[in-house]
Amino acid sequence: MFVRVNVIQFASAIESEAMKALARYEMINKLEGVISIEVFSITETKAVAVLKFQTQEALEKSRKVYINNFKKNNNMKIESFEGEREFIVEKS
């Protein structure tokens, strides 16, 4: 499993809400190989998104579809970190 963590700063709360709607209703259905998208709101205009992918190829393809375009948008600042998941520990 491969993971991308995005730290996103939006210009406004409206921009933030629009991006959350995009992730919830469009990205989850359009991104090939995506397993899940989790979003954590830090403030009204700052969020962290965790996207999980089945393969590294799917992760790389999604970068071309969304991340490169997001970086061109003057209404947001985005930092992306990618890697292979090492482990997960869940308390039962």
PDB file of N, CA and C in Angstrom:
ATOM      1  N   MET A   1       0.854  -1.169   0.000  1.00  0.00           N
ATOM      2  CA  MET A   1       0.000   0.000   0.000  1.00  0.00           C
ATOM      3  C   MET A   1       0.900   1.231   0.000  1.00  0.00           C
ATOM      4  N   PHE A   2       0.502   2.227  -0.766  1.00  0.00           N
ATOM      5  CA  PHE A   2       1.255   3.470  -0.869  1.00  0.00           C
ATOM      6  C   PHE A   2       0.374   4.617  -0.393  1.00  0.00           C
ATOM      7  N   VAL A   3       1.009   5.594   0.253  1.00  0.00           N
ATOM      8  CA  VAL A   3       0.267   6.660   0.921  1.00  0.00           C
ATOM      9  C   VAL A   3       0.803   8.022   0.489  1.00  0.00           C
ATOM     10  N   ARG A   4      -0.117   8.961   0.306  1.00  0.00           N
ATOM     11  CA  ARG A   4       0.243  10.364   0.099  1.00  0.00           C
ATOM     12  C   ARG A   4      -0.406  11.165   1.220  1.00  0.00           C
ATOM     13  N   VAL A   5       0.383  12.016   1.850  1.00  0.00           N
ATOM     14  CA  VAL A   5      -0.128  12.925   2.869  1.00  0.00           C
ATOM     15  C   VAL A   5       0.011  14.335   2.309  1.00  0.00           C
ATOM     16  N   ASN A   6      -1.100  15.036   2.217  1.00  0.00           N
ATOM     17  CA  ASN A   6      -1.118  16.419   1.734  1.00  0.00           C
ATOM     18  C   ASN A   6      -1.426  17.349   2.895  1.00  0.00           C
ATOM     19  N   VAL A   7      -0.611  18.382   3.042  1.00  0.00           N
ATOM     20  CA  VAL A   7      -0.888  19.450   3.993  1.00  0.00           C
ATOM     21  C   VAL A   7      -1.282  20.648   3.132  1.00  0.00           C
ATOM     22  N   ILE A   8      -2.518  21.114   3.309  1.00  0.00           N
ATOM     23  CA  ILE A   8      -3.064  22.126   2.403  1.00  0.00           C
ATOM     24  C   ILE A   8      -3.509  23.357   3.181  1.00  0.00           C
ATOM     25  N   GLN A   9      -3.052  24.529   2.731  1.00  0.00           N
ATOM     26  CA  GLN A   9      -3.481  25.814   3.278  1.00  0.00           C
ATOM     27  C   GLN A   9      -4.305  26.503   2.198  1.00  0.00           C
ATOM     28  N   PHE A  10      -5.550  26.816   2.511  1.00  0.00           N
ATOM     29  CA  PHE A  10      -6.456  27.457   1.558  1.00  0.00           C
ATOM     30  C   PHE A  10      -6.534  28.956   1.811  1.00  0.00           C
ATOM     31  N   ALA A  11      -6.904  29.709   0.783  1.00  0.00           N
ATOM     32  CA  ALA A  11      -7.048  31.157   0.899  1.00  0.00           C
ATOM     33  C   ALA A  11      -8.282  31.539   1.707  1.00  0.00           C
ATOM     34  N   SER A  12      -9.295  30.662   1.723  1.00  0.00           N
ATOM     35  CA  SER A  12     -10.532  30.975   2.441  1.00  0.00           C
ATOM     36  C   SER A  12     -11.221  29.693   2.891  1.00  0.00           C
ATOM     37  N   ALA A  13     -12.176  29.846   3.793  1.00  0.00           N
ATOM     38  CA  ALA A  13     -12.960  28.701   4.261  1.00  0.00           C
ATOM     39  C   ALA A  13     -13.803  28.121   3.125  1.00  0.00           C
ATOM     40  N   ILE A  14     -14.261  28.972   2.220  1.00  0.00           N
ATOM     41  CA  ILE A  14     -15.056  28.507   1.078  1.00  0.00           C
ATOM     42  C   ILE A  14     -14.215  27.602   0.179  1.00  0.00           C
ATOM     43  N   GLU A  15     -12.966  28.001  -0.081  1.00  0.00           N
ATOM     44  CA  GLU A  15     -12.053  27.166  -0.877  1.00  0.00           C
ATOM     45  C   GLU A  15     -11.831  25.820  -0.194  1.00  0.00           C
ATOM     46  N   SER A  16     -11.684  25.853   1.110  1.00  0.00           N
ATOM     47  CA  SER A  16     -11.469  24.631   1.884  1.00  0.00           C
ATOM     48  C   SER A  16     -12.655  23.678   1.758  1.00  0.00           C
ATOM     49  N   GLU A  17     -13.851  24.197   1.922  1.00  0.00           N
ATOM     50  CA  GLU A  17     -15.057  23.366   1.818  1.00  0.00           C
ATOM     51  C   GLU A  17     -15.234  22.803   0.411  1.00  0.00           C
ATOM     52  N   ALA A  18     -14.909  23.606  -0.594  1.00  0.00           N
ATOM     53  CA  ALA A  18     -15.018  23.138  -1.981  1.00  0.00           C
ATOM     54  C   ALA A  18     -14.059  21.971  -2.239  1.00  0.00           C
ATOM     55  N   MET A  19     -12.855  22.061  -1.707  1.00  0.00           N
ATOM     56  CA  MET A  19     -11.880  20.992  -1.907  1.00  0.00           C
ATOM     57  C   MET A  19     -12.300  19.718  -1.179  1.00  0.00           C
ATOM     58  N   LYS A  20     -12.873  19.864  -0.002  1.00  0.00           N
ATOM     59  CA  LYS A  20     -13.354  18.687   0.737  1.00  0.00           C
ATOM     60  C   LYS A  20     -14.474  17.995  -0.039  1.00  0.00           C
ATOM     61  N   ALA A  21     -15.347  18.779  -0.653  1.00  0.00           N
ATOM     62  CA  ALA A  21     -16.419  18.203  -1.472  1.00  0.00           C
ATOM     63  C   ALA A  21     -15.834  17.493  -2.690  1.00  0.00           C
ATOM     64  N   LEU A  22     -14.811  18.090  -3.299  1.00  0.00           N
ATOM     65  CA  LEU A  22     -14.149  17.459  -4.440  1.00  0.00           C
ATOM     66  C   LEU A  22     -13.568  16.105  -4.041  1.00  0.00           C
ATOM     67  N   ALA A  23     -12.910  16.052  -2.902  1.00  0.00           N
ATOM     68  CA  ALA A  23     -12.314  14.792  -2.433  1.00  0.00           C
ATOM     69  C   ALA A  23     -13.388  13.753  -2.134  1.00  0.00           C
ATOM     70  N   ARG A  24     -14.439  14.178  -1.459  1.00  0.00           N
ATOM     71  CA  ARG A  24     -15.485  13.246  -1.012  1.00  0.00           C
ATOM     72  C   ARG A  24     -16.314  12.684  -2.164  1.00  0.00           C
ATOM     73  N   TYR A  25     -16.639  13.529  -3.138  1.00  0.00           N
ATOM     74  CA  TYR A  25     -17.595  13.109  -4.158  1.00  0.00           C
ATOM     75  C   TYR A  25     -16.995  12.845  -5.542  1.00  0.00           C
ATOM     76  N   GLU A  26     -15.824  13.417  -5.842  1.00  0.00           N
ATOM     77  CA  GLU A  26     -15.249  13.215  -7.170  1.00  0.00           C
ATOM     78  C   GLU A  26     -13.959  12.398  -7.128  1.00  0.00           C
ATOM     79  N   MET A  27     -12.992  12.835  -6.332  1.00  0.00           N
ATOM     80  CA  MET A  27     -11.686  12.171  -6.330  1.00  0.00           C
ATOM     81  C   MET A  27     -11.784  10.693  -5.963  1.00  0.00           C
ATOM     82  N   ILE A  28     -12.594  10.368  -4.982  1.00  0.00           N
ATOM     83  CA  ILE A  28     -12.713   8.978  -4.538  1.00  0.00           C
ATOM     84  C   ILE A  28     -13.203   8.073  -5.670  1.00  0.00           C
ATOM     85  N   ASN A  29     -13.994   8.619  -6.581  1.00  0.00           N
ATOM     86  CA  ASN A  29     -14.529   7.826  -7.693  1.00  0.00           C
ATOM     87  C   ASN A  29     -13.680   7.895  -8.959  1.00  0.00           C
ATOM     88  N   LYS A  30     -12.891   8.955  -9.124  1.00  0.00           N
ATOM     89  CA  LYS A  30     -12.135   9.134 -10.364  1.00  0.00           C
ATOM     90  C   LYS A  30     -10.699   8.638 -10.291  1.00  0.00           C
ATOM     91  N   LEU A  31     -10.115   8.612  -9.107  1.00  0.00           N
ATOM     92  CA  LEU A  31      -8.722   8.192  -8.997  1.00  0.00           C
ATOM     93  C   LEU A  31      -8.613   6.677  -9.075  1.00  0.00           C
ATOM     94  N   GLU A  32      -7.884   6.218 -10.060  1.00  0.00           N
ATOM     95  CA  GLU A  32      -7.677   4.786 -10.237  1.00  0.00           C
ATOM     96  C   GLU A  32      -6.772   4.259  -9.127  1.00  0.00           C
ATOM     97  N   GLY A  33      -7.166   3.167  -8.504  1.00  0.00           N
ATOM     98  CA  GLY A  33      -6.329   2.531  -7.501  1.00  0.00           C
ATOM     99  C   GLY A  33      -6.370   3.146  -6.121  1.00  0.00           C
ATOM    100  N   VAL A  34      -7.228   4.149  -5.906  1.00  0.00           N
ATOM    101  CA  VAL A  34      -7.324   4.752  -4.571  1.00  0.00           C
ATOM    102  C   VAL A  34      -8.151   3.828  -3.676  1.00  0.00           C
ATOM    103  N   ILE A  35      -7.679   3.640  -2.460  1.00  0.00           N
ATOM    104  CA  ILE A  35      -8.373   2.799  -1.489  1.00  0.00           C
ATOM    105  C   ILE A  35      -9.224   3.656  -0.567  1.00  0.00           C
ATOM    106  N   SER A  36      -8.633   4.764  -0.102  1.00  0.00           N
ATOM    107  CA  SER A  36      -9.384   5.639   0.800  1.00  0.00           C
ATOM    108  C   SER A  36      -8.801   7.042   0.790  1.00  0.00           C
ATOM    109  N   ILE A  37      -9.631   7.990   1.228  1.00  0.00           N
ATOM    110  CA  ILE A  37      -9.222   9.380   1.419  1.00  0.00           C
ATOM    111  C   ILE A  37      -9.717   9.792   2.797  1.00  0.00           C
ATOM    112  N   GLU A  38      -8.805  10.262   3.642  1.00  0.00           N
ATOM    113  CA  GLU A  38      -9.168  10.776   4.962  1.00  0.00           C
ATOM    114  C   GLU A  38      -8.756  12.240   5.025  1.00  0.00           C
ATOM    115  N   VAL A  39      -9.619  13.095   5.550  1.00  0.00           N
ATOM    116  CA  VAL A  39      -9.317  14.519   5.666  1.00  0.00           C
ATOM    117  C   VAL A  39      -9.481  14.942   7.118  1.00  0.00           C
ATOM    118  N   PHE A  40      -8.494  15.683   7.603  1.00  0.00           N
ATOM    119  CA  PHE A  40      -8.503  16.205   8.966  1.00  0.00           C
ATOM    120  C   PHE A  40      -8.418  17.724   8.889  1.00  0.00           C
ATOM    121  N   SER A  41      -9.388  18.423   9.454  1.00  0.00           N
ATOM    122  CA  SER A  41      -9.365  19.884   9.476  1.00  0.00           C
ATOM    123  C   SER A  41      -8.539  20.350  10.667  1.00  0.00           C
ATOM    124  N   ILE A  42      -7.553  21.185  10.396  1.00  0.00           N
ATOM    125  CA  ILE A  42      -6.723  21.761  11.449  1.00  0.00           C
ATOM    126  C   ILE A  42      -7.326  23.100  11.874  1.00  0.00           C
ATOM    127  N   THR A  43      -7.650  23.921  10.896  1.00  0.00           N
ATOM    128  CA  THR A  43      -8.367  25.184  11.107  1.00  0.00           C
ATOM    129  C   THR A  43      -9.393  25.290   9.979  1.00  0.00           C
ATOM    130  N   GLU A  44     -10.087  26.417   9.895  1.00  0.00           N
ATOM    131  CA  GLU A  44     -11.055  26.610   8.802  1.00  0.00           C
ATOM    132  C   GLU A  44     -10.388  26.587   7.435  1.00  0.00           C
ATOM    133  N   THR A  45      -9.115  26.975   7.382  1.00  0.00           N
ATOM    134  CA  THR A  45      -8.433  27.091   6.094  1.00  0.00           C
ATOM    135  C   THR A  45      -7.238  26.152   5.943  1.00  0.00           C
ATOM    136  N   LYS A  46      -7.025  25.270   6.892  1.00  0.00           N
ATOM    137  CA  LYS A  46      -5.896  24.334   6.803  1.00  0.00           C
ATOM    138  C   LYS A  46      -6.381  22.915   7.052  1.00  0.00           C
ATOM    139  N   ALA A  47      -5.919  21.988   6.208  1.00  0.00           N
ATOM    140  CA  ALA A  47      -6.343  20.590   6.328  1.00  0.00           C
ATOM    141  C   ALA A  47      -5.193  19.655   5.976  1.00  0.00           C
ATOM    142  N   VAL A  48      -5.322  18.443   6.467  1.00  0.00           N
ATOM    143  CA  VAL A  48      -4.400  17.366   6.122  1.00  0.00           C
ATOM    144  C   VAL A  48      -5.236  16.265   5.473  1.00  0.00           C
ATOM    145  N   ALA A  49      -4.789  15.790   4.322  1.00  0.00           N
ATOM    146  CA  ALA A  49      -5.484  14.708   3.624  1.00  0.00           C
ATOM    147  C   ALA A  49      -4.541  13.521   3.484  1.00  0.00           C
ATOM    148  N   VAL A  50      -5.054  12.344   3.784  1.00  0.00           N
ATOM    149  CA  VAL A  50      -4.284  11.106   3.660  1.00  0.00           C
ATOM    150  C   VAL A  50      -4.978  10.243   2.609  1.00  0.00           C
ATOM    151  N   LEU A  51      -4.270   9.970   1.533  1.00  0.00           N
ATOM    152  CA  LEU A  51      -4.802   9.150   0.445  1.00  0.00           C
ATOM    153  C   LEU A  51      -4.022   7.846   0.397  1.00  0.00           C
ATOM    154  N   LYS A  52      -4.752   6.735   0.357  1.00  0.00           N
ATOM    155  CA  LYS A  52      -4.117   5.417   0.308  1.00  0.00           C
ATOM    156  C   LYS A  52      -4.382   4.795  -1.061  1.00  0.00           C
ATOM    157  N   PHE A  53      -3.326   4.233  -1.650  1.00  0.00           N
ATOM    158  CA  PHE A  53      -3.387   3.652  -2.988  1.00  0.00           C
ATOM    159  C   PHE A  53      -2.942   2.199  -2.969  1.00  0.00           C
ATOM    160  N   GLN A  54      -3.463   1.429  -3.916  1.00  0.00           N
ATOM    161  CA  GLN A  54      -3.105   0.014  -4.035  1.00  0.00           C
ATOM    162  C   GLN A  54      -1.673  -0.176  -4.514  1.00  0.00           C
ATOM    163  N   THR A  55      -1.227   0.668  -5.450  1.00  0.00           N
ATOM    164  CA  THR A  55       0.101   0.502  -6.047  1.00  0.00           C
ATOM    165  C   THR A  55       0.822   1.841  -6.157  1.00  0.00           C
ATOM    166  N   GLN A  56       2.134   1.763  -6.326  1.00  0.00           N
ATOM    167  CA  GLN A  56       2.921   2.972  -6.527  1.00  0.00           C
ATOM    168  C   GLN A  56       2.546   3.631  -7.854  1.00  0.00           C
ATOM    169  N   GLU A  57       2.235   2.831  -8.854  1.00  0.00           N
ATOM    170  CA  GLU A  57       1.832   3.361 -10.157  1.00  0.00           C
ATOM    171  C   GLU A  57       0.559   4.203 -10.034  1.00  0.00           C
ATOM    172  N   ALA A  58      -0.409   3.726  -9.272  1.00  0.00           N
ATOM    173  CA  ALA A  58      -1.651   4.482  -9.065  1.00  0.00           C
ATOM    174  C   ALA A  58      -1.366   5.793  -8.345  1.00  0.00           C
ATOM    175  N   LEU A  59      -0.474   5.758  -7.370  1.00  0.00           N
ATOM    176  CA  LEU A  59      -0.094   6.965  -6.638  1.00  0.00           C
ATOM    177  C   LEU A  59       0.527   7.984  -7.589  1.00  0.00           C
ATOM    178  N   GLU A  60       1.439   7.526  -8.434  1.00  0.00           N
ATOM    179  CA  GLU A  60       2.115   8.424  -9.372  1.00  0.00           C
ATOM    180  C   GLU A  60       1.163   8.997 -10.415  1.00  0.00           C
ATOM    181  N   LYS A  61       0.243   8.186 -10.925  1.00  0.00           N
ATOM    182  CA  LYS A  61      -0.736   8.676 -11.908  1.00  0.00           C
ATOM    183  C   LYS A  61      -1.630   9.750 -11.298  1.00  0.00           C
ATOM    184  N   SER A  62      -2.018   9.570 -10.054  1.00  0.00           N
ATOM    185  CA  SER A  62      -2.903  10.543  -9.409  1.00  0.00           C
ATOM    186  C   SER A  62      -2.214  11.888  -9.222  1.00  0.00           C
ATOM    187  N   ARG A  63      -0.900  11.870  -9.066  1.00  0.00           N
ATOM    188  CA  ARG A  63      -0.149  13.118  -8.918  1.00  0.00           C
ATOM    189  C   ARG A  63      -0.334  13.983 -10.157  1.00  0.00           C
ATOM    190  N   LYS A  64      -0.309  13.358 -11.322  1.00  0.00           N
ATOM    191  CA  LYS A  64      -0.477  14.087 -12.581  1.00  0.00           C
ATOM    192  C   LYS A  64      -1.886  14.651 -12.707  1.00  0.00           C
ATOM    193  N   VAL A  65      -2.864  13.920 -12.201  1.00  0.00           N
ATOM    194  CA  VAL A  65      -4.266  14.326 -12.347  1.00  0.00           C
ATOM    195  C   VAL A  65      -4.608  15.499 -11.438  1.00  0.00           C
ATOM    196  N   TYR A  66      -4.199  15.447 -10.171  1.00  0.00           N
ATOM    197  CA  TYR A  66      -4.629  16.465  -9.213  1.00  0.00           C
ATOM    198  C   TYR A  66      -3.493  17.308  -8.632  1.00  0.00           C
ATOM    199  N   ILE A  67      -2.478  16.705  -8.079  1.00  0.00           N
ATOM    200  CA  ILE A  67      -1.462  17.440  -7.328  1.00  0.00           C
ATOM    201  C   ILE A  67      -0.776  18.500  -8.180  1.00  0.00           C
ATOM    202  N   ASN A  68      -0.360  18.165  -9.378  1.00  0.00           N
ATOM    203  CA  ASN A  68       0.315  19.145 -10.229  1.00  0.00           C
ATOM    204  C   ASN A  68      -0.583  20.344 -10.526  1.00  0.00           C
ATOM    205  N   ASN A  69      -1.888  20.112 -10.696  1.00  0.00           N
ATOM    206  CA  ASN A  69      -2.825  21.220 -10.926  1.00  0.00           C
ATOM    207  C   ASN A  69      -3.057  22.030  -9.656  1.00  0.00           C
ATOM    208  N   PHE A  70      -3.124  21.356  -8.508  1.00  0.00           N
ATOM    209  CA  PHE A  70      -3.312  22.069  -7.245  1.00  0.00           C
ATOM    210  C   PHE A  70      -2.156  23.027  -6.986  1.00  0.00           C
ATOM    211  N   LYS A  71      -0.951  22.615  -7.323  1.00  0.00           N
ATOM    212  CA  LYS A  71       0.228  23.454  -7.073  1.00  0.00           C
ATOM    213  C   LYS A  71       0.218  24.717  -7.927  1.00  0.00           C
ATOM    214  N   LYS A  72      -0.522  24.714  -9.023  1.00  0.00           N
ATOM    215  CA  LYS A  72      -0.641  25.893  -9.885  1.00  0.00           C
ATOM    216  C   LYS A  72      -1.707  26.867  -9.386  1.00  0.00           C
ATOM    217  N   ASN A  73      -2.551  26.432  -8.465  1.00  0.00           N
ATOM    218  CA  ASN A  73      -3.667  27.235  -7.962  1.00  0.00           C
ATOM    219  C   ASN A  73      -3.168  28.247  -6.935  1.00  0.00           C
ATOM    220  N   ASN A  74      -3.389  29.527  -7.190  1.00  0.00           N
ATOM    221  CA  ASN A  74      -2.940  30.581  -6.280  1.00  0.00           C
ATOM    222  C   ASN A  74      -3.751  30.650  -4.993  1.00  0.00           C
ATOM    223  N   ASN A  75      -4.900  29.973  -4.939  1.00  0.00           N
ATOM    224  CA  ASN A  75      -5.759  30.013  -3.754  1.00  0.00           C
ATOM    225  C   ASN A  75      -5.430  28.927  -2.742  1.00  0.00           C
ATOM    226  N   MET A  76      -4.369  28.168  -2.996  1.00  0.00           N
ATOM    227  CA  MET A  76      -3.979  27.131  -2.038  1.00  0.00           C
ATOM    228  C   MET A  76      -2.475  26.906  -2.091  1.00  0.00           C
ATOM    229  N   LYS A  77      -1.968  26.473  -0.971  1.00  0.00           N
ATOM    230  CA  LYS A  77      -0.571  26.061  -0.878  1.00  0.00           C
ATOM    231  C   LYS A  77      -0.589  24.607  -0.431  1.00  0.00           C
ATOM    232  N   ILE A  78       0.113  23.742  -1.153  1.00  0.00           N
ATOM    233  CA  ILE A  78       0.062  22.313  -0.847  1.00  0.00           C
ATOM    234  C   ILE A  78       1.466  21.734  -0.735  1.00  0.00           C
ATOM    235  N   GLU A  79       1.653  20.930   0.296  1.00  0.00           N
ATOM    236  CA  GLU A  79       2.871  20.144   0.462  1.00  0.00           C
ATOM    237  C   GLU A  79       2.450  18.682   0.434  1.00  0.00           C
ATOM    238  N   SER A  80       3.146  17.873  -0.361  1.00  0.00           N
ATOM    239  CA  SER A  80       2.808  16.455  -0.473  1.00  0.00           C
ATOM    240  C   SER A  80       3.991  15.595  -0.068  1.00  0.00           C
ATOM    241  N   PHE A  81       3.667  14.533   0.653  1.00  0.00           N
ATOM    242  CA  PHE A  81       4.666  13.567   1.085  1.00  0.00           C
ATOM    243  C   PHE A  81       4.148  12.192   0.697  1.00  0.00           C
ATOM    244  N   GLU A  82       5.003  11.374   0.088  1.00  0.00           N
ATOM    245  CA  GLU A  82       4.569  10.071  -0.412  1.00  0.00           C
ATOM    246  C   GLU A  82       5.517   8.973   0.046  1.00  0.00           C
ATOM    247  N   GLY A  83       4.957   7.787   0.221  1.00  0.00           N
ATOM    248  CA  GLY A  83       5.795   6.649   0.563  1.00  0.00           C
ATOM    249  C   GLY A  83       4.988   5.383   0.713  1.00  0.00           C
ATOM    250  N   GLU A  84       5.718   4.297   0.907  1.00  0.00           N
ATOM    251  CA  GLU A  84       5.083   3.002   1.119  1.00  0.00           C
ATOM    252  C   GLU A  84       4.791   2.843   2.603  1.00  0.00           C
ATOM    253  N   ARG A  85       3.604   2.349   2.910  1.00  0.00           N
ATOM    254  CA  ARG A  85       3.246   2.156   4.316  1.00  0.00           C
ATOM    255  C   ARG A  85       4.096   1.031   4.892  1.00  0.00           C
ATOM    256  N   GLU A  86       4.712   1.302   6.032  1.00  0.00           N
ATOM    257  CA  GLU A  86       5.538   0.292   6.694  1.00  0.00           C
ATOM    258  C   GLU A  86       4.690  -0.634   7.544  1.00  0.00           C
ATOM    259  N   PHE A  87       3.798  -0.059   8.347  1.00  0.00           N
ATOM    260  CA  PHE A  87       2.939  -0.887   9.195  1.00  0.00           C
ATOM    261  C   PHE A  87       1.777  -0.054   9.700  1.00  0.00           C
ATOM    262  N   ILE A  88       0.802  -0.749  10.244  1.00  0.00           N
ATOM    263  CA  ILE A  88      -0.318  -0.102  10.921  1.00  0.00           C
ATOM    264  C   ILE A  88      -0.610  -0.913  12.177  1.00  0.00           C
ATOM    265  N   VAL A  89      -0.821  -0.217  13.266  1.00  0.00           N
ATOM    266  CA  VAL A  89      -1.162  -0.857  14.534  1.00  0.00           C
ATOM    267  C   VAL A  89      -2.507  -0.294  14.965  1.00  0.00           C
ATOM    268  N   GLU A  90      -3.446  -1.167  15.205  1.00  0.00           N
ATOM    269  CA  GLU A  90      -4.764  -0.745  15.662  1.00  0.00           C
ATOM    270  C   GLU A  90      -5.095  -1.469  16.950  1.00  0.00           C
ATOM    271  N   LYS A  91      -5.602  -0.733  17.876  1.00  0.00           N
ATOM    272  CA  LYS A  91      -6.004  -1.319  19.146  1.00  0.00           C
ATOM    273  C   LYS A  91      -7.390  -1.929  18.987  1.00  0.00           C
ATOM    274  N   SER A  92      -7.552  -3.152  19.440  1.00  0.00           N
ATOM    275  CA  SER A  92      -8.854  -3.806  19.280  1.00  0.00           C
ATOM    276  C   SER A  92      -9.715  -3.651  20.510  1.00  0.00           C
TER     277      SER A  92
END
